[in-house]
Amino acid sequence: MKPPPQNFSALTTDLYEVTMACGYWKAGVRDYEAAFHVTFRENPFGGQFTVACGLATAIDFLRSFHFTETAIAYLASQRGNDGKPLFDSGFLDYLRDLRLTCDIDALAEGTLVFPNEPLIRVCGPIAQCQLVETALLNILNFQSLIATKAARVCLAAKNDPVIEFGLRRAQGVDGGLTAARAAYVGGCAGTSNLQAGARFGIPVSGTQAHSWIMFFENEKDAFETFARAIPNNCVFLVDTYNSIDGVRHAIDVARQLRKNGHEMIGVRLDSGDRVTLSIEARHMLDDAGFTNAKIVCSGDLDEHVIAELKQRDAKIDMWGVGTKLATGQPDAALGGIYKIGAVRRPGGQWQYRIKLSEEPAKTSYPGLLQVRRFCQPDGRFLADAIYETDHGINKRCLVDVETEEETEIPEKADYSDLLVPIFRKGHLVYEPPKLEASRERARTQLSCAPREILRLKNATRYKVGLERSLHALRSTLIAGVKEQPK
């Protein structure tokens, strides 16, 4: 059995998931089927798109899901408010023998996804569906958040490489590892995180910090010593004392490197007026014959800072983005949710479920949901329809839930259904693509998206609506619940 990813286990869950599973077991309904969906209500960072990420990690978790004897012993140790065991031995025996038998469909990693569209659909015995909820949300929420942040940063940088190096300020070691992976899917060219490089095959990058420069009596000694030690990886950090003097010293050392058969990669600016400094550094490097030397920029960068520096014509070739990328600033979480859409008795028909709220945006969608993306002949996205699989799509008509406006999709439009089979009866039927392929999918998806939804500021909302019959079903269920006796 493949080991679980990082620190995941069957206990990667909240207590209430297990108490509900116990309740289903005691009520004799543990094998009643349910359909759940992972969705979210708002795009992060004030933007108008999200990059789905985390499916590969979720697959690793699901395919190895089981309660070990250690986990069973821990659950057996839990006590209720009367001092007696919280879980009886019969339920623990059930967990001990439990193996997932669910049907699971999901979006491929790197797919652009929008509010209320399911990233993943889980259908199977209700107790099993409940037990995997927390881990799926943990995996998909964080990785999709960071992949989206990375995509925004890379869009701001245009064609310049972006390196992720936020490990030292990430939310824990696991958070840093996961962030590096998700950032690579989102478009980053590499990471400083060696563990991520070893585990996922992500290119790694890094040379020296200010402490190296400050250890030596002067900056030039520091550069020369580094060049002798690692002549084939020299990016000199030039802003420890005076950036222009630092560039001058880097050029002097680069000349000696060249005599010895090596080339300086470039210089890094970490502070100061990086527009003025980069322009002056570019002139100095070019005049000295180092036209291929790169100027790397770092220091509290995000998509907005990078966009401003680009707009001001900073001469920067590569960007190192740390804290604000690896921690998903300013958003702490994607806000994904896991909602039930239908239930059925063994051998019975699906019965639809809906959650109402005084906040219209929190009223759920019933049924087993699928997303159909309509595209122009050249592959550019037109609109997405959320539909219920049993009802299908009878007409190419979308209903906007917020405005009730209807949109007709041209008959000539191509389409594809986004959720694909991952597990059937608990057996993996999907071959997860290599990480590089997920990264390429994200790049392709961004290139096919309408330009106006990708803007960092004043982006317009992508057209997503309910297929007409799903909208009618939802409206009927809402009315039925409201008419129930109080």
Protein backbone atom coordinates (compact mmCIF):
# COMPACT_ATOMS: atom_id res chain seq x y z
CA MET A 1 0.00 0.00 0.00
CA LYS A 2 1.37 3.41 -0.97
CA PRO A 3 2.20 5.54 2.09
CA PRO A 4 -0.05 8.54 2.75
CA PRO A 5 1.20 11.95 1.59
CA GLN A 6 3.20 13.92 4.13
CA ASN A 7 1.44 13.57 7.52
CA PHE A 8 -2.01 12.49 6.34
CA SER A 9 -3.80 9.55 7.96
CA ALA A 10 -7.40 8.51 8.61
CA LEU A 11 -7.17 10.72 11.70
CA THR A 12 -6.61 13.76 9.50
CA THR A 13 -10.16 14.73 10.31
CA ASP A 14 -12.31 16.53 12.85
CA LEU A 15 -13.91 14.68 15.73
CA TYR A 16 -17.40 15.47 14.52
CA GLU A 17 -16.81 13.54 11.30
CA VAL A 18 -16.22 10.38 13.35
CA THR A 19 -19.11 11.03 15.73
CA MET A 20 -21.43 11.44 12.72
CA ALA A 21 -20.05 8.23 11.18
CA CYS A 22 -20.76 6.50 14.49
CA GLY A 23 -24.27 7.92 14.42
CA TYR A 24 -24.87 6.58 10.91
CA TRP A 25 -23.53 3.19 12.01
CA LYS A 26 -25.76 3.00 15.07
CA ALA A 27 -28.80 4.16 13.09
CA GLY A 28 -28.23 1.35 10.58
CA VAL A 29 -27.83 3.76 7.65
CA ARG A 30 -24.04 3.66 7.21
CA ASP A 31 -24.40 2.19 3.72
CA TYR A 32 -27.04 4.63 2.52
CA GLU A 33 -25.44 6.56 -0.30
CA ALA A 34 -24.79 10.28 -0.44
CA ALA A 35 -23.35 12.74 -2.93
CA PHE A 36 -21.06 15.49 -1.66
CA HIS A 37 -19.25 18.27 -3.49
CA VAL A 38 -16.25 20.42 -2.64
CA THR A 39 -16.99 23.95 -3.83
CA PHE A 40 -16.19 27.53 -2.81
CA ARG A 41 -18.24 30.73 -2.89
CA GLU A 42 -15.68 33.43 -3.74
CA ASN A 43 -12.47 33.58 -5.74
CA PRO A 44 -9.45 34.53 -3.61
CA PHE A 45 -7.41 37.74 -3.70
CA GLY A 46 -10.27 39.81 -5.06
CA GLY A 47 -9.79 38.10 -8.42
CA GLN A 48 -12.11 36.33 -10.81
CA PHE A 49 -10.52 32.89 -11.20
CA THR A 50 -9.10 30.02 -9.17
CA VAL A 51 -6.61 27.31 -10.18
CA ALA A 52 -7.72 23.87 -8.99
CA CYS A 53 -4.83 22.12 -7.29
CA GLY A 54 -4.25 19.25 -4.88
CA LEU A 55 -5.86 16.32 -6.69
CA ALA A 56 -2.67 14.25 -6.77
CA THR A 57 -2.26 14.66 -3.01
CA ALA A 58 -5.93 13.80 -2.49
CA ILE A 59 -5.53 10.64 -4.57
CA ASP A 60 -2.57 9.55 -2.46
CA PHE A 61 -4.63 10.12 0.69
CA LEU A 62 -7.72 8.31 -0.59
CA ARG A 63 -5.96 5.27 -2.03
CA SER A 64 -4.23 4.59 1.30
CA PHE A 65 -7.17 5.50 3.55
CA HIS A 66 -7.60 3.13 6.47
CA PHE A 67 -7.66 3.20 10.27
CA THR A 68 -4.51 1.68 11.71
CA GLU A 69 -4.47 -0.13 15.04
CA THR A 70 -2.85 2.94 16.53
CA ALA A 71 -5.71 5.10 15.28
CA ILE A 72 -8.31 2.62 16.59
CA ALA A 73 -6.60 2.60 20.00
CA TYR A 74 -6.64 6.39 20.10
CA LEU A 75 -10.36 6.52 19.27
CA ALA A 76 -11.02 3.83 21.89
CA SER A 77 -9.38 6.09 24.49
CA GLN A 78 -11.83 8.94 23.94
CA ARG A 79 -14.44 9.48 26.66
CA GLY A 80 -17.83 11.15 26.79
CA ASN A 81 -19.04 13.50 29.52
CA ASP A 82 -20.09 10.50 31.62
CA GLY A 83 -16.55 9.12 31.62
CA LYS A 84 -17.52 6.14 29.47
CA PRO A 85 -16.03 5.33 26.04
CA LEU A 86 -17.22 7.67 23.32
CA PHE A 87 -17.22 4.91 20.70
CA ASP A 88 -18.35 1.35 21.30
CA SER A 89 -16.30 -1.62 20.19
CA GLY A 90 -18.61 -2.62 17.34
CA PHE A 91 -18.15 0.74 15.63
CA LEU A 92 -14.39 0.56 16.11
CA ASP A 93 -14.40 -2.88 14.51
CA TYR A 94 -16.29 -1.35 11.58
CA LEU A 95 -13.60 1.34 11.22
CA ARG A 96 -10.83 -1.24 11.51
CA ASP A 97 -12.16 -3.12 8.46
CA LEU A 98 -13.25 -0.03 6.50
CA ARG A 99 -11.91 0.49 2.99
CA LEU A 100 -13.27 3.17 0.70
CA THR A 101 -15.79 2.06 -1.94
CA CYS A 102 -16.78 5.51 -3.19
CA ASP A 103 -17.11 6.84 -6.72
CA ILE A 104 -15.08 10.05 -6.94
CA ASP A 105 -14.89 12.52 -9.81
CA ALA A 106 -12.75 15.65 -9.90
CA LEU A 107 -11.30 18.46 -11.97
CA ALA A 108 -7.83 17.80 -13.31
CA GLU A 109 -5.12 19.78 -11.55
CA GLY A 110 -4.43 23.08 -13.24
CA THR A 111 -8.04 23.57 -14.39
CA LEU A 112 -9.51 27.04 -13.93
CA VAL A 113 -12.54 26.84 -11.68
CA PHE A 114 -15.07 29.41 -10.54
CA PRO A 115 -17.39 29.94 -7.55
CA ASN A 116 -20.02 27.23 -6.91
CA GLU A 117 -18.42 24.80 -9.36
CA PRO A 118 -17.41 21.49 -7.79
CA LEU A 119 -13.71 20.71 -7.61
CA ILE A 120 -14.53 17.17 -6.55
CA ARG A 121 -17.65 14.99 -6.22
CA VAL A 122 -17.77 12.12 -3.73
CA CYS A 123 -20.55 9.52 -4.02
CA GLY A 124 -20.79 6.48 -1.80
CA PRO A 125 -21.76 5.18 1.63
CA ILE A 126 -22.63 8.16 3.81
CA ALA A 127 -20.22 7.23 6.61
CA GLN A 128 -17.30 6.98 4.18
CA CYS A 129 -18.17 10.29 2.51
CA GLN A 130 -18.24 11.95 5.90
CA LEU A 131 -14.89 10.58 7.06
CA VAL A 132 -12.91 12.00 4.12
CA GLU A 133 -14.43 15.51 4.24
CA THR A 134 -11.88 17.32 6.37
CA ALA A 135 -8.79 15.97 4.62
CA LEU A 136 -10.17 16.76 1.16
CA LEU A 137 -10.95 20.33 2.20
CA ASN A 138 -7.53 20.71 3.79
CA ILE A 139 -5.76 19.49 0.65
CA LEU A 140 -7.80 21.28 -2.00
CA ASN A 141 -8.32 24.57 -0.14
CA PHE A 142 -4.67 25.32 0.53
CA GLN A 143 -3.16 24.04 -2.69
CA SER A 144 -5.76 25.81 -4.84
CA LEU A 145 -5.18 29.03 -2.89
CA ILE A 146 -1.42 28.96 -3.44
CA ALA A 147 -1.65 27.83 -7.07
CA THR A 148 -3.98 30.77 -7.72
CA LYS A 149 -1.64 33.21 -5.99
CA ALA A 150 1.26 31.87 -8.03
CA ALA A 151 -0.73 32.25 -11.25
CA ARG A 152 -1.48 35.88 -10.39
CA VAL A 153 2.18 36.58 -9.58
CA CYS A 154 3.31 34.95 -12.83
CA LEU A 155 0.74 36.88 -14.83
CA ALA A 156 2.09 40.10 -13.32
CA ALA A 157 5.66 39.05 -14.17
CA LYS A 158 4.57 38.31 -17.74
CA ASN A 159 7.24 36.04 -19.26
CA ASP A 160 9.83 36.47 -16.48
CA PRO A 161 10.65 33.42 -14.34
CA VAL A 162 9.30 33.47 -10.78
CA ILE A 163 11.02 31.49 -8.02
CA GLU A 164 9.11 30.55 -4.87
CA PHE A 165 11.14 30.84 -1.68
CA GLY A 166 8.71 31.21 1.19
CA LEU A 167 9.64 28.13 3.24
CA ARG A 168 11.06 30.05 6.18
CA ARG A 169 7.80 31.92 6.66
CA ALA A 170 5.35 29.25 5.58
CA GLN A 171 2.77 27.76 7.95
CA GLY A 172 4.92 24.89 9.11
CA VAL A 173 7.24 22.56 7.25
CA ASP A 174 4.33 20.73 5.61
CA GLY A 175 2.84 24.07 4.60
CA GLY A 176 6.08 25.10 2.95
CA LEU A 177 6.35 21.80 1.09
CA THR A 178 2.77 21.96 -0.12
CA ALA A 179 3.09 25.62 -1.08
CA ALA A 180 6.13 24.90 -3.23
CA ARG A 181 4.25 22.20 -5.10
CA ALA A 182 1.14 24.31 -5.64
CA ALA A 183 3.19 27.34 -6.68
CA TYR A 184 4.87 25.24 -9.36
CA VAL A 185 1.47 24.14 -10.71
CA GLY A 186 0.44 27.80 -10.72
CA GLY A 187 3.37 28.73 -12.94
CA CYS A 188 6.48 29.31 -10.82
CA ALA A 189 9.70 28.21 -12.47
CA GLY A 190 11.29 26.80 -9.35
CA THR A 191 11.64 26.86 -5.58
CA SER A 192 14.32 27.34 -2.94
CA ASN A 193 12.88 24.38 -0.99
CA LEU A 194 15.20 21.39 -1.36
CA GLN A 195 12.68 18.97 0.13
CA ALA A 196 10.15 20.03 -2.49
CA GLY A 197 12.79 19.64 -5.18
CA ALA A 198 13.63 16.14 -4.03
CA ARG A 199 10.03 15.02 -3.50
CA PHE A 200 8.36 16.56 -6.53
CA GLY A 201 11.17 17.16 -9.01
CA ILE A 202 10.75 20.94 -8.94
CA PRO A 203 13.85 22.86 -10.10
CA VAL A 204 15.64 24.45 -7.12
CA SER A 205 17.35 27.82 -7.00
CA GLY A 206 19.43 29.80 -4.51
CA THR A 207 22.91 31.15 -3.84
CA GLN A 208 23.66 33.35 -0.82
CA ALA A 209 22.10 35.51 1.91
CA HIS A 210 23.14 38.72 3.61
CA SER A 211 24.76 36.69 6.40
CA TRP A 212 27.33 35.39 3.91
CA ILE A 213 28.28 38.92 2.87
CA MET A 214 28.41 40.18 6.46
CA PHE A 215 30.61 37.31 7.66
CA PHE A 216 33.56 38.63 5.65
CA GLU A 217 35.51 41.84 6.22
CA ASN A 218 34.18 43.38 3.03
CA GLU A 219 31.73 42.68 0.24
CA LYS A 220 34.30 41.96 -2.44
CA ASP A 221 35.98 39.31 -0.29
CA ALA A 222 32.60 37.68 0.19
CA PHE A 223 31.92 37.61 -3.55
CA GLU A 224 35.40 36.32 -4.38
CA THR A 225 35.23 33.55 -1.78
CA PHE A 226 31.82 32.44 -3.01
CA ALA A 227 33.02 32.46 -6.62
CA ARG A 228 35.94 30.22 -5.72
CA ALA A 229 33.68 27.84 -3.81
CA ILE A 230 30.77 27.58 -6.27
CA PRO A 231 31.84 29.19 -9.55
CA ASN A 232 28.95 27.74 -11.54
CA ASN A 233 26.14 29.21 -9.42
CA CYS A 234 26.97 32.86 -8.82
CA VAL A 235 24.13 35.30 -8.30
CA PHE A 236 25.63 38.02 -6.14
CA LEU A 237 23.46 39.72 -3.53
CA VAL A 238 24.47 43.35 -3.97
CA ASP A 239 22.39 45.41 -1.52
CA THR A 240 24.02 44.60 1.84
CA TYR A 241 25.79 47.98 2.03
CA ASN A 242 25.36 49.94 -1.18
CA SER A 243 23.70 48.40 -4.21
CA ILE A 244 25.66 50.25 -6.89
CA ASP A 245 28.97 49.48 -5.20
CA GLY A 246 27.74 45.89 -4.90
CA VAL A 247 27.13 45.70 -8.65
CA ARG A 248 30.60 47.12 -9.26
CA HIS A 249 32.16 44.49 -7.01
CA ALA A 250 30.12 41.75 -8.68
CA ILE A 251 31.42 42.85 -12.09
CA ASP A 252 35.01 42.75 -10.86
CA VAL A 253 34.54 39.20 -9.57
CA ALA A 254 32.64 38.23 -12.73
CA ARG A 255 35.65 39.23 -14.85
CA GLN A 256 37.84 36.86 -12.89
CA LEU A 257 35.20 34.13 -13.18
CA ARG A 258 35.20 34.57 -16.93
CA LYS A 259 38.98 34.25 -17.07
CA ASN A 260 38.59 30.95 -15.25
CA GLY A 261 36.00 29.67 -17.72
CA HIS A 262 32.82 30.48 -15.80
CA GLU A 263 30.04 33.04 -16.18
CA MET A 264 28.26 34.98 -13.48
CA ILE A 265 24.53 34.24 -13.55
CA GLY A 266 23.60 37.69 -12.31
CA VAL A 267 22.96 39.98 -9.35
CA ARG A 268 20.11 40.19 -6.87
CA LEU A 269 18.42 43.33 -5.55
CA ASP A 270 16.53 42.83 -2.29
CA SER A 271 15.78 46.39 -1.19
CA GLY A 272 15.82 50.04 -2.14
CA ASP A 273 14.40 51.76 -5.22
CA ARG A 274 14.46 48.71 -7.41
CA VAL A 275 13.40 50.61 -10.52
CA THR A 276 16.29 53.06 -10.41
CA LEU A 277 18.76 50.49 -9.13
CA SER A 278 17.84 47.89 -11.75
CA ILE A 279 18.14 50.41 -14.58
CA GLU A 280 21.58 51.51 -13.36
CA ALA A 281 22.66 47.91 -12.77
CA ARG A 282 21.61 46.97 -16.30
CA HIS A 283 23.70 49.79 -17.77
CA MET A 284 26.71 48.77 -15.68
CA LEU A 285 26.44 45.10 -16.57
CA ASP A 286 25.97 45.79 -20.28
CA ASP A 287 28.83 48.31 -20.41
CA ALA A 288 31.09 45.74 -18.73
CA GLY A 289 30.21 43.10 -21.33
CA PHE A 290 27.84 41.05 -19.18
CA THR A 291 24.75 41.47 -21.32
CA ASN A 292 23.48 38.00 -20.44
CA ALA A 293 23.73 38.54 -16.69
CA LYS A 294 20.33 38.46 -15.02
CA ILE A 295 18.96 40.96 -12.54
CA VAL A 296 16.98 39.16 -9.88
CA CYS A 297 14.54 41.02 -7.63
CA SER A 298 13.28 39.92 -4.22
CA GLY A 299 11.95 41.46 -1.01
CA ASP A 300 8.25 41.53 -0.02
CA LEU A 301 7.01 41.00 -3.55
CA ASP A 302 3.51 40.09 -4.69
CA GLU A 303 1.58 40.46 -7.93
CA HIS A 304 0.76 44.12 -7.32
CA VAL A 305 4.34 45.16 -6.53
CA ILE A 306 5.65 43.25 -9.54
CA ALA A 307 3.02 44.80 -11.82
CA GLU A 308 4.00 48.28 -10.62
CA LEU A 309 7.71 47.65 -11.12
CA LYS A 310 7.03 46.32 -14.63
CA GLN A 311 4.88 49.36 -15.41
CA ARG A 312 7.72 51.63 -14.30
CA ASP A 313 10.08 49.80 -16.68
CA ALA A 314 12.29 48.19 -14.07
CA LYS A 315 15.05 46.15 -15.73
CA ILE A 316 14.40 42.94 -13.84
CA ASP A 317 14.70 39.50 -15.40
CA MET A 318 13.68 37.17 -12.57
CA TRP A 319 11.56 37.43 -9.45
CA GLY A 320 11.96 35.75 -6.09
CA VAL A 321 8.66 35.72 -4.20
CA GLY A 322 8.48 34.37 -0.68
CA THR A 323 6.16 35.23 2.19
CA LYS A 324 3.20 36.61 0.29
CA LEU A 325 3.16 33.64 -2.06
CA ALA A 326 3.79 30.73 0.31
CA THR A 327 1.29 32.05 2.87
CA GLY A 328 -1.34 33.17 0.35
CA GLN A 329 -1.43 36.76 1.55
CA PRO A 330 -3.73 38.57 2.01
CA ASP A 331 -6.21 35.67 2.07
CA ALA A 332 -5.82 33.06 4.79
CA ALA A 333 -7.85 30.36 3.04
CA LEU A 334 -9.82 29.60 -0.10
CA GLY A 335 -12.98 28.96 1.90
CA GLY A 336 -13.95 25.68 0.28
CA ILE A 337 -17.01 23.85 1.60
CA TYR A 338 -18.30 20.27 1.47
CA LYS A 339 -22.03 20.05 0.96
CA ILE A 340 -24.40 17.14 0.51
CA GLY A 341 -26.55 17.25 -2.63
CA ALA A 342 -28.47 13.95 -2.62
CA VAL A 343 -29.04 10.73 -0.67
CA ARG A 344 -30.53 7.34 -1.50
CA ARG A 345 -31.34 4.05 0.14
CA PRO A 346 -29.56 0.96 -1.19
CA GLY A 347 -31.18 0.16 -4.52
CA GLY A 348 -33.35 3.28 -4.38
CA GLN A 349 -33.56 6.54 -6.27
CA TRP A 350 -31.63 9.69 -5.46
CA GLN A 351 -33.47 12.12 -3.20
CA TYR A 352 -32.25 15.68 -3.56
CA ARG A 353 -31.16 17.80 -0.62
CA ILE A 354 -30.71 21.54 -0.29
CA LYS A 355 -29.44 23.83 2.44
CA LEU A 356 -31.17 27.19 2.79
CA SER A 357 -29.69 30.35 4.21
CA GLU A 358 -30.76 33.92 4.83
CA GLU A 359 -27.68 34.73 2.75
CA PRO A 360 -28.69 33.69 -0.80
CA ALA A 361 -25.08 32.86 -1.73
CA LYS A 362 -25.03 30.14 0.93
CA THR A 363 -28.06 28.26 -0.42
CA SER A 364 -26.64 25.02 -1.83
CA TYR A 365 -27.16 23.27 -5.17
CA PRO A 366 -28.97 19.91 -5.17
CA GLY A 367 -28.13 16.69 -6.96
CA LEU A 368 -25.00 15.15 -8.45
CA LEU A 369 -23.28 18.06 -10.13
CA GLN A 370 -21.13 18.31 -13.22
CA VAL A 371 -19.60 21.31 -15.01
CA ARG A 372 -19.72 21.76 -18.76
CA ARG A 373 -17.35 24.34 -20.22
CA PHE A 374 -18.33 25.86 -23.54
CA CYS A 375 -15.56 27.17 -25.77
CA GLN A 376 -15.11 29.00 -29.02
CA PRO A 377 -13.62 27.01 -31.92
CA ASP A 378 -10.15 28.34 -31.05
CA GLY A 379 -10.46 26.98 -27.51
CA ARG A 380 -11.18 30.25 -25.72
CA PHE A 381 -13.66 29.91 -22.88
CA LEU A 382 -17.22 31.17 -23.38
CA ALA A 383 -19.15 30.12 -20.28
CA ASP A 384 -19.67 27.28 -17.81
CA ALA A 385 -22.90 25.42 -17.07
CA ILE A 386 -23.40 23.60 -13.78
CA TYR A 387 -25.83 20.75 -14.35
CA GLU A 388 -27.29 17.76 -12.54
CA THR A 389 -26.16 14.48 -14.05
CA ASP A 390 -29.57 12.76 -14.02
CA HIS A 391 -31.23 15.75 -15.70
CA GLY A 392 -28.44 16.47 -18.18
CA ILE A 393 -28.47 19.52 -20.42
CA ASN A 394 -31.58 19.82 -22.53
CA LYS A 395 -30.90 23.29 -23.89
CA ARG A 396 -27.79 25.41 -24.02
CA CYS A 397 -29.22 27.95 -21.65
CA LEU A 398 -27.57 29.19 -18.46
CA VAL A 399 -29.42 30.88 -15.63
CA ASP A 400 -27.44 33.31 -13.49
CA VAL A 401 -28.33 32.55 -9.87
CA GLU A 402 -27.70 36.14 -8.73
CA THR A 403 -29.56 38.00 -11.46
CA GLU A 404 -31.90 35.29 -12.88
CA GLU A 405 -30.72 36.37 -16.33
CA GLU A 406 -30.58 33.67 -19.01
CA THR A 407 -27.76 33.24 -21.51
CA GLU A 408 -28.04 31.18 -24.67
CA ILE A 409 -24.90 29.32 -25.75
CA PRO A 410 -24.32 29.20 -29.53
CA GLU A 411 -24.93 25.79 -31.05
CA LYS A 412 -21.53 25.86 -32.74
CA ALA A 413 -19.71 26.16 -29.41
CA ASP A 414 -17.52 23.24 -28.42
CA TYR A 415 -17.70 21.88 -24.89
CA SER A 416 -16.19 19.47 -22.42
CA ASP A 417 -17.32 18.15 -19.05
CA LEU A 418 -14.73 19.02 -16.44
CA LEU A 419 -15.18 16.42 -13.70
CA VAL A 420 -13.55 13.15 -14.73
CA PRO A 421 -13.69 9.73 -13.05
CA ILE A 422 -10.97 9.24 -10.43
CA PHE A 423 -12.22 6.29 -8.32
CA ARG A 424 -14.91 3.73 -9.06
CA LYS A 425 -16.07 1.60 -6.12
CA GLY A 426 -12.90 2.66 -4.35
CA HIS A 427 -10.57 1.58 -7.15
CA LEU A 428 -8.37 4.15 -8.82
CA VAL A 429 -9.27 4.47 -12.52
CA TYR A 430 -7.31 7.65 -13.25
CA GLU A 431 -3.65 8.04 -14.04
CA PRO A 432 -2.49 11.22 -12.27
CA PRO A 433 -0.42 13.31 -14.66
CA LYS A 434 3.12 14.29 -13.87
CA LEU A 435 3.52 17.58 -12.01
CA GLU A 436 4.96 19.19 -15.13
CA ALA A 437 1.77 18.30 -17.04
CA SER A 438 -0.43 19.88 -14.35
CA ARG A 439 1.68 23.03 -14.59
CA GLU A 440 1.30 23.05 -18.37
CA ARG A 441 -2.46 22.55 -18.04
CA ALA A 442 -2.69 25.61 -15.81
CA ARG A 443 -0.70 27.61 -18.36
CA THR A 444 -2.96 26.46 -21.20
CA GLN A 445 -6.11 27.17 -19.21
CA LEU A 446 -4.94 30.71 -18.44
CA SER A 447 -4.15 31.29 -22.11
CA CYS A 448 -7.69 30.21 -23.06
CA ALA A 449 -9.47 32.30 -20.42
CA PRO A 450 -10.97 35.68 -21.33
CA ARG A 451 -8.33 38.36 -20.72
CA GLU A 452 -10.74 40.48 -18.70
CA ILE A 453 -11.13 37.87 -15.96
CA LEU A 454 -7.35 37.69 -15.43
CA ARG A 455 -6.79 41.35 -14.67
CA LEU A 456 -5.28 42.07 -11.26
CA LYS A 457 -7.60 45.03 -10.83
CA ASN A 458 -11.19 45.51 -11.99
CA ALA A 459 -11.43 41.99 -13.39
CA THR A 460 -14.84 41.03 -14.75
CA ARG A 461 -16.77 37.98 -13.62
CA TYR A 462 -16.65 34.89 -15.81
CA LYS A 463 -20.05 33.69 -16.92
CA VAL A 464 -21.18 30.69 -14.85
CA GLY A 465 -24.79 29.62 -14.59
CA LEU A 466 -27.09 26.77 -13.74
CA GLU A 467 -28.48 24.65 -16.54
CA ARG A 468 -32.17 25.52 -16.78
CA SER A 469 -33.52 22.25 -15.38
CA LEU A 470 -31.15 22.38 -12.39
CA HIS A 471 -32.25 25.94 -11.73
CA ALA A 472 -35.88 24.80 -11.82
CA LEU A 473 -35.13 21.87 -9.47
CA ARG A 474 -33.37 24.16 -7.04
CA SER A 475 -36.22 26.66 -7.09
CA THR A 476 -38.75 23.89 -6.46
CA LEU A 477 -36.79 22.53 -3.51
CA ILE A 478 -36.38 26.00 -2.01
CA ALA A 479 -40.11 26.62 -2.27
CA GLY A 480 -40.89 23.19 -0.78
CA VAL A 481 -38.67 23.74 2.24
CA LYS A 482 -40.15 27.17 2.86
CA GLU A 483 -43.67 25.71 2.78
CA GLN A 484 -42.90 23.09 5.43
CA PRO A 485 -44.69 23.54 8.77
CA LYS A 486 -42.70 25.59 11.24
